[in-house]
C-alpha atoms as a PDB file:
ATOM      1  CA  MET A   1      13.773  38.641  39.230  1.00  0.00           C
ATOM      2  CA  ASN A   2      15.710  35.563  37.125  1.00  0.00           C
ATOM      3  CA  ARG A   3      13.323  33.078  38.615  1.00  0.00           C
ATOM      4  CA  GLN A   4      10.767  35.006  37.255  1.00  0.00           C
ATOM      5  CA  ARG A   5      12.111  35.462  33.934  1.00  0.00           C
ATOM      6  CA  THR A   6      13.205  32.125  33.945  1.00  0.00           C
ATOM      7  CA  CYS A   7       8.815  30.896  34.371  1.00  0.00           C
ATOM      8  CA  ILE A   8       8.095  33.442  31.648  1.00  0.00           C
ATOM      9  CA  VAL A   9      10.454  31.696  29.586  1.00  0.00           C
ATOM     10  CA  ALA A  10       9.659  28.144  30.034  1.00  0.00           C
ATOM     11  CA  THR A  11       6.291  29.403  29.836  1.00  0.00           C
ATOM     12  CA  LEU A  12       6.376  31.124  26.364  1.00  0.00           C
ATOM     13  CA  LEU A  13       8.347  28.013  25.094  1.00  0.00           C
ATOM     14  CA  ALA A  14       5.911  25.796  25.943  1.00  0.00           C
ATOM     15  CA  LEU A  15       3.056  27.654  24.590  1.00  0.00           C
ATOM     16  CA  VAL A  16       5.452  28.015  21.381  1.00  0.00           C
ATOM     17  CA  ALA A  17       6.007  23.758  21.256  1.00  0.00           C
ATOM     18  CA  ARG A  18       2.201  23.639  21.591  1.00  0.00           C
ATOM     19  CA  GLY A  19       2.085  24.912  18.570  1.00  0.00           C
ATOM     20  CA  VAL A  20       4.197  23.895  16.318  1.00  0.00           C
ATOM     21  CA  ALA A  21       2.123  20.395  17.669  1.00  0.00           C
ATOM     22  CA  ALA A  22      -1.052  21.647  16.385  1.00  0.00           C
ATOM     23  CA  GLU A  23       0.298  22.480  13.546  1.00  0.00           C
ATOM     24  CA  PRO A  24      -0.796  19.996  10.674  1.00  0.00           C
ATOM     25  CA  ARG A  25       1.353  17.617   8.635  1.00  0.00           C
ATOM     26  CA  THR A  26       1.837  18.493   5.040  1.00  0.00           C
ATOM     27  CA  LEU A  27       3.490  16.757   2.302  1.00  0.00           C
ATOM     28  CA  ASN A  28       3.822  17.355  -1.437  1.00  0.00           C
ATOM     29  CA  GLY A  29       1.893  20.888  -0.719  1.00  0.00           C
ATOM     30  CA  PHE A  30      -1.264  19.056   1.032  1.00  0.00           C
ATOM     31  CA  VAL A  31      -1.924  19.915   4.296  1.00  0.00           C
ATOM     32  CA  LEU A  32      -3.079  16.692   5.662  1.00  0.00           C
ATOM     33  CA  GLU A  33      -5.821  17.220   8.111  1.00  0.00           C
ATOM     34  CA  SER A  34      -8.450  14.426   7.845  1.00  0.00           C
ATOM     35  CA  ARG A  35     -11.496  13.342  10.278  1.00  0.00           C
ATOM     36  CA  THR A  36     -11.853  10.598   7.496  1.00  0.00           C
ATOM     37  CA  ILE A  37      -9.149   8.332   7.847  1.00  0.00           C
ATOM     38  CA  PRO A  38      -5.882   8.241  10.365  1.00  0.00           C
ATOM     39  CA  ALA A  39      -3.726  11.109   8.396  1.00  0.00           C
ATOM     40  CA  GLU A  40       0.061   9.824   9.853  1.00  0.00           C
ATOM     41  CA  LYS A  41      -0.914   6.904   7.736  1.00  0.00           C
ATOM     42  CA  ILE A  42      -0.773   9.202   4.712  1.00  0.00           C
ATOM     43  CA  LEU A  43       2.748   8.172   2.988  1.00  0.00           C
ATOM     44  CA  PRO A  44       4.678   9.964   0.415  1.00  0.00           C
ATOM     45  CA  GLY A  45       5.041   7.620  -2.671  1.00  0.00           C
ATOM     46  CA  GLY A  46       8.193   8.700  -3.726  1.00  0.00           C
ATOM     47  CA  PRO A  47       7.185  10.900  -6.765  1.00  0.00           C
ATOM     48  CA  PRO A  48       6.548  14.668  -6.164  1.00  0.00           C
ATOM     49  CA  ARG A  49       3.048  15.972  -6.970  1.00  0.00           C
ATOM     50  CA  ASP A  50       2.246  15.545 -10.405  1.00  0.00           C
ATOM     51  CA  GLY A  51       5.734  13.367 -10.704  1.00  0.00           C
ATOM     52  CA  VAL A  52       3.525  11.082 -11.964  1.00  0.00           C
ATOM     53  CA  PRO A  53       1.416  12.874 -15.387  1.00  0.00           C
ATOM     54  CA  ALA A  54      -2.023  12.457 -15.441  1.00  0.00           C
ATOM     55  CA  LEU A  55      -3.832  12.023 -19.121  1.00  0.00           C
ATOM     56  CA  ASP A  56      -6.514  15.039 -19.638  1.00  0.00           C
ATOM     57  CA  THR A  57      -8.205  14.303 -22.889  1.00  0.00           C
ATOM     58  CA  PRO A  58      -6.207  11.684 -23.853  1.00  0.00           C
ATOM     59  CA  HIS A  59      -6.268  10.960 -27.460  1.00  0.00           C
ATOM     60  CA  SER A  60      -7.843   7.382 -29.553  1.00  0.00           C
ATOM     61  CA  VAL A  61      -7.958   5.706 -31.889  1.00  0.00           C
ATOM     62  CA  LYS A  62     -10.641   3.458 -33.600  1.00  0.00           C
ATOM     63  CA  GLY A  63     -10.029  -0.002 -32.781  1.00  0.00           C
ATOM     64  CA  ALA A  64      -9.631  -1.037 -36.250  1.00  0.00           C
ATOM     65  CA  GLN A  65      -6.265   1.329 -36.565  1.00  0.00           C
ATOM     66  CA  ALA A  66      -4.509   0.183 -33.240  1.00  0.00           C
ATOM     67  CA  SER A  67      -1.300  -1.750 -32.915  1.00  0.00           C
ATOM     68  CA  TRP A  68      -1.412  -2.992 -29.396  1.00  0.00           C
ATOM     69  CA  PRO A  69      -1.553  -6.295 -29.597  1.00  0.00           C
ATOM     70  CA  ASP A  70      -4.377  -8.550 -28.566  1.00  0.00           C
ATOM     71  CA  ASP A  71      -3.060 -10.096 -25.076  1.00  0.00           C
ATOM     72  CA  GLU A  72      -2.592  -6.039 -23.891  1.00  0.00           C
ATOM     73  CA  MET A  73      -4.803  -5.669 -20.336  1.00  0.00           C
ATOM     74  CA  VAL A  74      -6.839  -2.544 -20.945  1.00  0.00           C
ATOM     75  CA  VAL A  75      -9.305  -1.016 -19.022  1.00  0.00           C
ATOM     76  CA  GLY A  76     -12.854  -0.862 -20.983  1.00  0.00           C
ATOM     77  CA  VAL A  77     -15.362   1.213 -20.490  1.00  0.00           C
ATOM     78  CA  HIS A  78     -18.928   1.746 -22.520  1.00  0.00           C
ATOM     79  CA  LEU A  79     -21.325   4.848 -21.513  1.00  0.00           C
ATOM     80  CA  GLY A  80     -24.084   6.114 -23.739  1.00  0.00           C
ATOM     81  CA  GLY A  81     -23.318   4.123 -26.754  1.00  0.00           C
ATOM     82  CA  GLU A  82     -19.600   4.543 -26.791  1.00  0.00           C
ATOM     83  CA  SER A  83     -16.665   2.498 -25.899  1.00  0.00           C
ATOM     84  CA  ARG A  84     -13.266   3.436 -24.908  1.00  0.00           C
ATOM     85  CA  ALA A  85     -10.112   1.004 -23.864  1.00  0.00           C
ATOM     86  CA  TYR A  86      -7.173   2.305 -21.732  1.00  0.00           C
ATOM     87  CA  PRO A  87      -4.201  -0.081 -21.814  1.00  0.00           C
ATOM     88  CA  LEU A  88      -2.615  -0.758 -18.814  1.00  0.00           C
ATOM     89  CA  ALA A  89       0.765  -0.335 -20.496  1.00  0.00           C
ATOM     90  CA  LEU A  90       0.052   3.558 -20.212  1.00  0.00           C
ATOM     91  CA  LEU A  91      -1.623   3.679 -16.898  1.00  0.00           C
ATOM     92  CA  VAL A  92       1.333   2.148 -15.044  1.00  0.00           C
ATOM     93  CA  TRP A  93       3.372   5.235 -16.179  1.00  0.00           C
ATOM     94  CA  HIS A  94      -0.042   7.949 -15.900  1.00  0.00           C
ATOM     95  CA  GLU A  95      -2.352   6.228 -13.289  1.00  0.00           C
ATOM     96  CA  LEU A  96      -4.788   8.767 -14.380  1.00  0.00           C
ATOM     97  CA  ALA A  97      -7.371   9.529 -17.317  1.00  0.00           C
ATOM     98  CA  ASN A  98      -9.522  12.785 -17.276  1.00  0.00           C
ATOM     99  CA  ASP A  99     -11.704  11.808 -20.043  1.00  0.00           C
ATOM    100  CA  VAL A 100     -15.140  11.758 -21.669  1.00  0.00           C
ATOM    101  CA  VAL A 101     -17.074   9.047 -22.893  1.00  0.00           C
ATOM    102  CA  GLY A 102     -20.250   9.016 -24.331  1.00  0.00           C
ATOM    103  CA  GLY A 103     -20.748  12.693 -23.078  1.00  0.00           C
ATOM    104  CA  GLN A 104     -19.773  11.741 -19.630  1.00  0.00           C
ATOM    105  CA  PRO A 105     -16.713  13.050 -17.805  1.00  0.00           C
ATOM    106  CA  ILE A 106     -15.165  10.238 -16.179  1.00  0.00           C
ATOM    107  CA  LEU A 107     -12.093   9.364 -14.063  1.00  0.00           C
ATOM    108  CA  VAL A 108     -10.015   6.046 -15.317  1.00  0.00           C
ATOM    109  CA  SER A 109      -8.095   5.564 -12.025  1.00  0.00           C
ATOM    110  CA  TYR A 110      -5.128   2.675 -11.981  1.00  0.00           C
ATOM    111  CA  CYS A 111      -2.937   2.163  -9.055  1.00  0.00           C
ATOM    112  CA  PRO A 112       0.057  -0.382  -9.915  1.00  0.00           C
ATOM    113  CA  LEU A 113       0.497  -0.811  -6.305  1.00  0.00           C
ATOM    114  CA  CYS A 114      -2.703  -2.749  -5.555  1.00  0.00           C
ATOM    115  CA  ALA A 115      -3.644  -3.512  -9.078  1.00  0.00           C
ATOM    116  CA  THR A 116      -6.694  -1.463  -8.579  1.00  0.00           C
ATOM    117  CA  ALA A 117      -8.832  -0.456 -12.072  1.00  0.00           C
ATOM    118  CA  LEU A 118     -11.434   1.723 -10.978  1.00  0.00           C
ATOM    119  CA  VAL A 119     -13.331   4.092 -13.186  1.00  0.00           C
ATOM    120  CA  PHE A 120     -15.462   7.198 -11.428  1.00  0.00           C
ATOM    121  CA  ASP A 121     -17.856  10.042 -12.898  1.00  0.00           C
ATOM    122  CA  ARG A 122     -15.711  12.754 -11.987  1.00  0.00           C
ATOM    123  CA  ARG A 123     -18.397  15.645 -11.444  1.00  0.00           C
ATOM    124  CA  VAL A 124     -18.676  16.892  -8.246  1.00  0.00           C
ATOM    125  CA  ASP A 125     -21.612  18.582  -6.934  1.00  0.00           C
ATOM    126  CA  GLY A 126     -22.674  18.481 -11.033  1.00  0.00           C
ATOM    127  CA  ALA A 127     -19.458  20.060 -12.318  1.00  0.00           C
ATOM    128  CA  ALA A 128     -16.832  18.039 -13.495  1.00  0.00           C
ATOM    129  CA  ARG A 129     -13.234  18.144 -11.751  1.00  0.00           C
ATOM    130  CA  ARG A 130      -9.647  17.421 -13.484  1.00  0.00           C
ATOM    131  CA  PHE A 131      -7.995  15.215 -10.958  1.00  0.00           C
ATOM    132  CA  GLY A 132      -4.171  14.783 -10.776  1.00  0.00           C
ATOM    133  CA  VAL A 133      -2.010  12.445  -8.841  1.00  0.00           C
ATOM    134  CA  SER A 134      -1.015  13.521  -5.736  1.00  0.00           C
ATOM    135  CA  GLY A 135       2.425  11.608  -4.594  1.00  0.00           C
ATOM    136  CA  LEU A 136       0.879  10.208  -1.571  1.00  0.00           C
ATOM    137  CA  LEU A 137      -0.543   6.969  -0.364  1.00  0.00           C
ATOM    138  CA  TYR A 138      -2.945   5.013   1.728  1.00  0.00           C
ATOM    139  CA  ASN A 139      -2.352   1.634   2.815  1.00  0.00           C
ATOM    140  CA  SER A 140      -0.353   1.733  -0.179  1.00  0.00           C
ATOM    141  CA  ASP A 141      -3.156   2.730  -2.302  1.00  0.00           C
ATOM    142  CA  LEU A 142      -2.960   6.166  -4.760  1.00  0.00           C
ATOM    143  CA  LEU A 143      -4.274   9.291  -3.167  1.00  0.00           C
ATOM    144  CA  MET A 144      -5.615  11.287  -6.121  1.00  0.00           C
ATOM    145  CA  PHE A 145      -6.543  15.517  -5.907  1.00  0.00           C
ATOM    146  CA  ASP A 146      -8.958  17.280  -7.372  1.00  0.00           C
ATOM    147  CA  ARG A 147      -7.261  20.590  -9.004  1.00  0.00           C
ATOM    148  CA  GLU A 148     -10.602  22.980  -8.279  1.00  0.00           C
ATOM    149  CA  SER A 149     -10.179  22.522  -4.358  1.00  0.00           C
ATOM    150  CA  GLU A 150      -7.283  20.598  -4.136  1.00  0.00           C
ATOM    151  CA  SER A 151      -8.942  17.810  -1.660  1.00  0.00           C
ATOM    152  CA  LEU A 152      -7.190  14.260  -1.387  1.00  0.00           C
ATOM    153  CA  TRP A 153      -8.912  11.414  -3.086  1.00  0.00           C
ATOM    154  CA  SER A 154      -8.989   7.478  -2.013  1.00  0.00           C
ATOM    155  CA  GLN A 155      -9.159   5.665  -4.617  1.00  0.00           C
ATOM    156  CA  ILE A 156     -10.432   2.516  -3.157  1.00  0.00           C
ATOM    157  CA  GLY A 157     -12.247   4.375  -0.769  1.00  0.00           C
ATOM    158  CA  ALA A 158     -13.769   6.223  -3.981  1.00  0.00           C
ATOM    159  CA  GLN A 159     -13.972   9.707  -1.382  1.00  0.00           C
ATOM    160  CA  ALA A 160     -12.097  12.572  -0.474  1.00  0.00           C
ATOM    161  CA  VAL A 161     -10.373  12.329   2.616  1.00  0.00           C
ATOM    162  CA  THR A 162      -8.682  15.730   3.060  1.00  0.00           C
ATOM    163  CA  GLY A 163      -9.623  19.180   1.556  1.00  0.00           C
ATOM    164  CA  PRO A 164     -12.725  21.044   1.474  1.00  0.00           C
ATOM    165  CA  ALA A 165     -14.181  17.834  -0.562  1.00  0.00           C
ATOM    166  CA  GLU A 166     -13.508  15.866   2.726  1.00  0.00           C
ATOM    167  CA  GLY A 167     -16.749  13.019   3.271  1.00  0.00           C
ATOM    168  CA  THR A 168     -17.510  13.227  -0.364  1.00  0.00           C
ATOM    169  CA  ARG A 169     -17.791  10.226  -2.257  1.00  0.00           C
ATOM    170  CA  LEU A 170     -17.050   9.624  -6.160  1.00  0.00           C
ATOM    171  CA  LEU A 171     -19.763   7.271  -8.088  1.00  0.00           C
ATOM    172  CA  LEU A 172     -18.281   4.396  -8.972  1.00  0.00           C
ATOM    173  CA  LEU A 173     -18.945   3.075 -12.867  1.00  0.00           C
ATOM    174  CA  ARG A 174     -18.273  -0.557 -13.734  1.00  0.00           C
ATOM    175  CA  SER A 175     -15.783  -1.440 -15.707  1.00  0.00           C
ATOM    176  CA  ARG A 176     -13.945  -4.630 -17.268  1.00  0.00           C
ATOM    177  CA  LEU A 177     -10.430  -5.419 -16.869  1.00  0.00           C
ATOM    178  CA  GLU A 178      -9.874  -7.792 -19.666  1.00  0.00           C
ATOM    179  CA  THR A 179      -7.560  -7.947 -22.642  1.00  0.00           C
ATOM    180  CA  TRP A 180      -7.811  -5.873 -25.620  1.00  0.00           C
ATOM    181  CA  GLY A 181      -9.054  -8.977 -28.106  1.00  0.00           C
ATOM    182  CA  ALA A 182     -11.218 -10.144 -25.968  1.00  0.00           C
ATOM    183  CA  TRP A 183     -12.879  -6.132 -25.217  1.00  0.00           C
ATOM    184  CA  ARG A 184     -12.605  -5.313 -28.920  1.00  0.00           C
ATOM    185  CA  ARG A 185     -15.076  -8.363 -29.792  1.00  0.00           C
ATOM    186  CA  ARG A 186     -16.829  -7.670 -27.145  1.00  0.00           C
ATOM    187  CA  HIS A 187     -17.055  -3.557 -28.705  1.00  0.00           C
ATOM    188  CA  PRO A 188     -16.394  -3.986 -32.252  1.00  0.00           C
ATOM    189  CA  ASP A 189     -16.787   0.489 -33.121  1.00  0.00           C
ATOM    190  CA  THR A 190     -14.290   0.612 -29.864  1.00  0.00           C
ATOM    191  CA  ARG A 191     -11.401   3.401 -29.397  1.00  0.00           C
ATOM    192  CA  ILE A 192      -8.105   2.810 -27.672  1.00  0.00           C
ATOM    193  CA  LEU A 193      -6.122   5.097 -26.439  1.00  0.00           C
ATOM    194  CA  SER A 194      -2.558   5.767 -28.103  1.00  0.00           C
ATOM    195  CA  THR A 195       0.761   6.283 -27.307  1.00  0.00           C
ATOM    196  CA  ARG A 196       0.461   9.923 -28.745  1.00  0.00           C
ATOM    197  CA  THR A 197       0.615  11.198 -24.368  1.00  0.00           C
ATOM    198  CA  GLY A 198       2.442  14.082 -25.123  1.00  0.00           C
ATOM    199  CA  HIS A 199       4.850  12.304 -22.249  1.00  0.00           C
ATOM    200  CA  SER A 200       8.105  10.124 -23.217  1.00  0.00           C
ATOM    201  CA  ARG A 201       7.852   6.652 -21.259  1.00  0.00           C
ATOM    202  CA  HIS A 202       8.731   3.597 -21.820  1.00  0.00           C
ATOM    203  CA  TYR A 203       5.062   2.472 -22.968  1.00  0.00           C
ATOM    204  CA  GLY A 204       5.136  -1.662 -22.957  1.00  0.00           C
ATOM    205  CA  ASP A 205       8.008  -1.618 -19.842  1.00  0.00           C
ATOM    206  CA  SER A 206       6.724  -2.384 -15.983  1.00  0.00           C
ATOM    207  CA  PRO A 207       8.791   0.239 -13.863  1.00  0.00           C
ATOM    208  CA  TYR A 208       7.604  -2.363 -10.667  1.00  0.00           C
ATOM    209  CA  GLY A 209       9.717  -5.217 -11.963  1.00  0.00           C
ATOM    210  CA  ASP A 210       8.044  -8.614 -10.544  1.00  0.00           C
ATOM    211  CA  TYR A 211       6.304  -6.812  -7.636  1.00  0.00           C
ATOM    212  CA  ALA A 212       2.843  -8.101  -8.597  1.00  0.00           C
ATOM    213  CA  HIS A 213       4.298 -11.890  -7.985  1.00  0.00           C
ATOM    214  CA  SER A 214       6.643 -10.816  -4.878  1.00  0.00           C
ATOM    215  CA  ALA A 215       4.887 -11.397  -1.124  1.00  0.00           C
ATOM    216  CA  GLU A 216       6.538  -8.257  -0.382  1.00  0.00           C
ATOM    217  CA  LEU A 217       5.079  -4.894  -0.150  1.00  0.00           C
ATOM    218  CA  LEU A 218       6.651  -1.832  -0.860  1.00  0.00           C
ATOM    219  CA  PHE A 219       5.089   0.658   2.029  1.00  0.00           C
ATOM    220  CA  PRO A 220       3.679  -0.563   4.836  1.00  0.00           C
ATOM    221  CA  VAL A 221      -0.287  -1.764   5.820  1.00  0.00           C
ATOM    222  CA  GLU A 222      -1.928  -3.348   8.294  1.00  0.00           C
ATOM    223  CA  TYR A 223      -3.544  -6.504   6.670  1.00  0.00           C
ATOM    224  CA  ALA A 224      -5.079  -9.933   7.314  1.00  0.00           C
ATOM    225  CA  ARG A 225      -2.508 -12.396   5.819  1.00  0.00           C
ATOM    226  CA  ARG A 226      -5.308 -15.130   4.953  1.00  0.00           C
ATOM    227  CA  TYR A 227      -3.726 -15.128   1.209  1.00  0.00           C
ATOM    228  CA  HIS A 228      -1.071 -14.284  -0.474  1.00  0.00           C
ATOM    229  CA  PRO A 229      -0.948 -10.586  -0.559  1.00  0.00           C
ATOM    230  CA  LYS A 230      -1.262 -10.454  -3.940  1.00  0.00           C
ATOM    231  CA  MET A 231      -3.532 -12.799  -4.778  1.00  0.00           C
ATOM    232  CA  PRO A 232      -5.832 -11.564  -7.390  1.00  0.00           C
ATOM    233  CA  THR A 233      -9.838 -10.869  -5.259  1.00  0.00           C
ATOM    234  CA  LEU A 234     -12.670  -9.029  -6.989  1.00  0.00           C
ATOM    235  CA  GLY A 235     -14.958  -7.306  -4.022  1.00  0.00           C
ATOM    236  CA  LEU A 236     -18.220  -6.299  -3.638  1.00  0.00           C
ATOM    237  CA  ARG A 237     -19.337  -3.724  -1.663  1.00  0.00           C
ATOM    238  CA  LEU A 238     -22.810  -1.881  -0.296  1.00  0.00           C
ATOM    239  CA  ALA A 239     -23.460   1.889   0.423  1.00  0.00           C
ATOM    240  CA  ASP A 240     -24.103   0.699   4.210  1.00  0.00           C
ATOM    241  CA  GLY A 241     -20.905  -0.643   4.055  1.00  0.00           C
ATOM    242  CA  ARG A 242     -21.115  -4.587   3.353  1.00  0.00           C
ATOM    243  CA  ALA A 243     -18.161  -5.995   1.718  1.00  0.00           C
ATOM    244  CA  ARG A 244     -17.539  -9.044  -0.057  1.00  0.00           C
ATOM    245  CA  ALA A 245     -14.496 -10.924  -0.917  1.00  0.00           C
ATOM    246  CA  TYR A 246     -14.201 -13.228  -3.915  1.00  0.00           C
ATOM    247  CA  PRO A 247     -10.516 -14.389  -4.355  1.00  0.00           C
ATOM    248  CA  ALA A 248      -9.281 -15.959  -7.129  1.00  0.00           C
ATOM    249  CA  ALA A 249      -7.835 -19.216  -5.311  1.00  0.00           C
ATOM    250  CA  GLU A 250     -11.366 -19.711  -3.866  1.00  0.00           C
ATOM    251  CA  LEU A 251     -13.529 -18.819  -7.087  1.00  0.00           C
ATOM    252  CA  VAL A 252     -11.062 -21.695  -8.539  1.00  0.00           C
ATOM    253  CA  ARG A 253     -12.108 -23.840  -6.378  1.00  0.00           C
ATOM    254  CA  ALA A 254     -15.573 -23.635  -6.410  1.00  0.00           C
ATOM    255  CA  GLY A 255     -14.745 -24.461 -10.527  1.00  0.00           C
ATOM    256  CA  GLY A 256     -14.916 -20.856 -11.220  1.00  0.00           C
ATOM    257  CA  THR A 257     -17.986 -19.744 -10.346  1.00  0.00           C
ATOM    258  CA  ALA A 258     -19.653 -18.105  -7.259  1.00  0.00           C
ATOM    259  CA  ARG A 259     -23.724 -17.595  -7.658  1.00  0.00           C
ATOM    260  CA  GLU A 260     -24.997 -16.539  -4.680  1.00  0.00           C
ATOM    261  CA  THR A 261     -27.027 -14.196  -2.681  1.00  0.00           C
ATOM    262  CA  PHE A 262     -25.155 -10.555  -1.493  1.00  0.00           C
ATOM    263  CA  GLY A 263     -26.995  -7.664   0.072  1.00  0.00           C
ATOM    264  CA  GLY A 264     -30.134  -9.652  -0.658  1.00  0.00           C
ATOM    265  CA  VAL A 265     -29.492  -9.694  -4.158  1.00  0.00           C
ATOM    266  CA  ALA A 266     -28.609 -12.424  -6.597  1.00  0.00           C
ATOM    267  CA  VAL A 267     -24.893 -11.794  -7.458  1.00  0.00           C
ATOM    268  CA  ARG A 268     -22.553 -14.118  -9.864  1.00  0.00           C
ATOM    269  CA  VAL A 269     -18.753 -13.871  -9.644  1.00  0.00           C
ATOM    270  CA  ALA A 270     -16.285 -15.606 -12.130  1.00  0.00           C
ATOM    271  CA  TYR A 271     -12.445 -16.578 -12.268  1.00  0.00           C
ATOM    272  CA  ASP A 272     -10.865 -17.575 -15.566  1.00  0.00           C
ATOM    273  CA  PRO A 273      -7.297 -18.874 -14.084  1.00  0.00           C
ATOM    274  CA  GLU A 274      -5.995 -18.953 -17.677  1.00  0.00           C
ATOM    275  CA  ALA A 275      -7.217 -15.395 -18.591  1.00  0.00           C
ATOM    276  CA  GLN A 276      -6.624 -14.354 -15.038  1.00  0.00           C
ATOM    277  CA  VAL A 277      -9.689 -12.507 -15.535  1.00  0.00           C
ATOM    278  CA  PHE A 278     -13.147 -11.901 -13.644  1.00  0.00           C
ATOM    279  CA  ASP A 279     -16.411 -11.978 -14.698  1.00  0.00           C
ATOM    280  CA  VAL A 280     -19.315 -10.518 -12.358  1.00  0.00           C
ATOM    281  CA  GLU A 281     -22.833 -10.061 -12.948  1.00  0.00           C
ATOM    282  CA  ALA A 282     -24.890  -8.019  -9.905  1.00  0.00           C
ATOM    283  CA  PRO A 283     -26.997  -4.979 -10.000  1.00  0.00           C
ATOM    284  CA  ASP A 284     -25.146  -0.899 -10.320  1.00  0.00           C
ATOM    285  CA  ALA A 285     -26.112  -0.806  -6.910  1.00  0.00           C
ATOM    286  CA  VAL A 286     -23.021  -3.211  -5.753  1.00  0.00           C
ATOM    287  CA  GLU A 287     -19.781  -1.758  -6.257  1.00  0.00           C
ATOM    288  CA  VAL A 288     -16.943  -3.601  -7.708  1.00  0.00           C
ATOM    289  CA  VAL A 289     -13.602  -3.580  -6.728  1.00  0.00           C
ATOM    290  CA  GLU A 290     -10.925  -5.904  -8.093  1.00  0.00           C
ATOM    291  CA  GLY A 291      -7.050  -5.816  -7.376  1.00  0.00           C
ATOM    292  CA  PHE A 292      -4.930  -7.187  -4.986  1.00  0.00           C
ATOM    293  CA  TRP A 293      -5.654  -9.249  -1.212  1.00  0.00           C
ATOM    294  CA  PHE A 294      -4.094  -7.145   0.625  1.00  0.00           C
ATOM    295  CA  ALA A 295      -5.779  -4.195  -0.978  1.00  0.00           C
ATOM    296  CA  TRP A 296      -8.868  -5.345  -0.493  1.00  0.00           C
ATOM    297  CA  ILE A 297      -9.074  -6.220   2.922  1.00  0.00           C
ATOM    298  CA  ALA A 298      -6.927  -3.752   4.537  1.00  0.00           C
ATOM    299  CA  PHE A 299      -9.720  -0.956   3.367  1.00  0.00           C
ATOM    300  CA  HIS A 300     -12.670  -3.500   4.083  1.00  0.00           C
ATOM    301  CA  PRO A 301     -11.017  -5.447   7.045  1.00  0.00           C
ATOM    302  CA  ALA A 302     -14.534  -6.468   8.109  1.00  0.00           C
ATOM    303  CA  SER A 303     -15.134  -7.909   5.006  1.00  0.00           C
ATOM    304  CA  SER A 304     -17.002 -11.353   4.701  1.00  0.00           C
ATOM    305  CA  VAL A 305     -14.774 -13.750   2.227  1.00  0.00           C
ATOM    306  CA  PHE A 306     -16.171 -16.052  -0.589  1.00  0.00           C
ATOM    307  CA  ALA A 307     -15.386 -20.163   0.502  1.00  0.00           C
ATOM    308  CA  PRO A 308     -16.533 -23.220  -1.485  1.00  0.00           C
ATOM    309  CA  GLU A 309     -18.589 -25.004   0.917  1.00  0.00           C
ATOM    310  CA  PRO A 310     -16.229 -28.507   2.261  1.00  0.00           C
ATOM    311  CA  ALA A 311     -17.062 -31.568  -0.226  1.00  0.00           C
ATOM    312  CA  ASP A 312     -19.248 -34.357   1.797  1.00  0.00           C
ATOM    313  CA  ALA A 313     -17.004 -36.933   2.950  1.00  0.00           C
ATOM    314  CA  PRO A 314     -16.814 -40.172   1.216  1.00  0.00           C
END
C-alpha cells in the first residue's frame, strides 16, 4: 500500500511539474508566448508597464513660437500637407507619441538604447490603435503594446510578436532625423511638440549619460562585432527580407555618398559626419531604419553591408 501511495504521489508531482513548466512566462502583465521571436529573450528593461509614459495627442506649437534651439535633434514627419517635429529631448523620456498628422493617425517611436526613431501608421485593420511602453525589450529594443489587444510589438521588427495581433505588421512611414533648424528651413510652416506634456521631466537632460558613445550595452544582445556597437548605421530592407546596411564609417570612406542598386531599384544614401545626419533617396517600398550598428545587425543578421570598392593600387 505504501509503495502504491508513493507511486501515486510521484505521478501527481510529475503532472504538476509538467503543468507548471507548460505555463507561459509573464512579465509586466504580458503573457510571453511567441511563434515570431524566442520568447525567452524578452527581458525586463527596468520600468514597469507604462513606467515610461507614452504621449497621446501631444501639444504642439507653430515653429515660429517654439523655443527649441536650432541644434536640437528632431524626428520630422510630413503627411497630408502638414509637417510636425518631435524633439528627441522629449522622446527620450516618453519613447512613444500617438498623434495625428495630416489626418493620418501615426505612432512616433524612439528607442534610446538602439537610437532608432521610427514612425508608423498606427492603424490595424483600418482602425487606429493607441500604443504604450511595455517596459520590456527584445534585442535591447523597445517592445510596444497596443491597448486594444494587449499585444506586444517589436519597434525595429515593425510587427506584433505576442498576443492576438502576433504576425501583423505596421506600415513604416518615411521620416527624417535631423536638427530642428534644418527641419524648419525645409518646412517653414511646421509645428513642433512643446514641453507641455502633462509630465514633470528634466527635458534637455538625458537619463542615459554617455551610453551613445560607450562600447557597452545595458542588455545582452547577439550581434556581429564588425564595427563599434554604436556606429551610426542606416539600413534598407524590403518586404521579402532582403536588407542592406550603410555604416557611417563606410559612407565617409566612400566620400559621403553611396549610389547603387538595391532590390532592383536605384538608391542613394549619404552621411554628413559634421552634422551626423543621414540622407536617403529610395522608393517608398524600401523601408528605412536608422540606428546603432548592433541593433540593425541583431535584427538583420543576414544583411549585406555597403563598403566602398578599394582604390586601385598605384
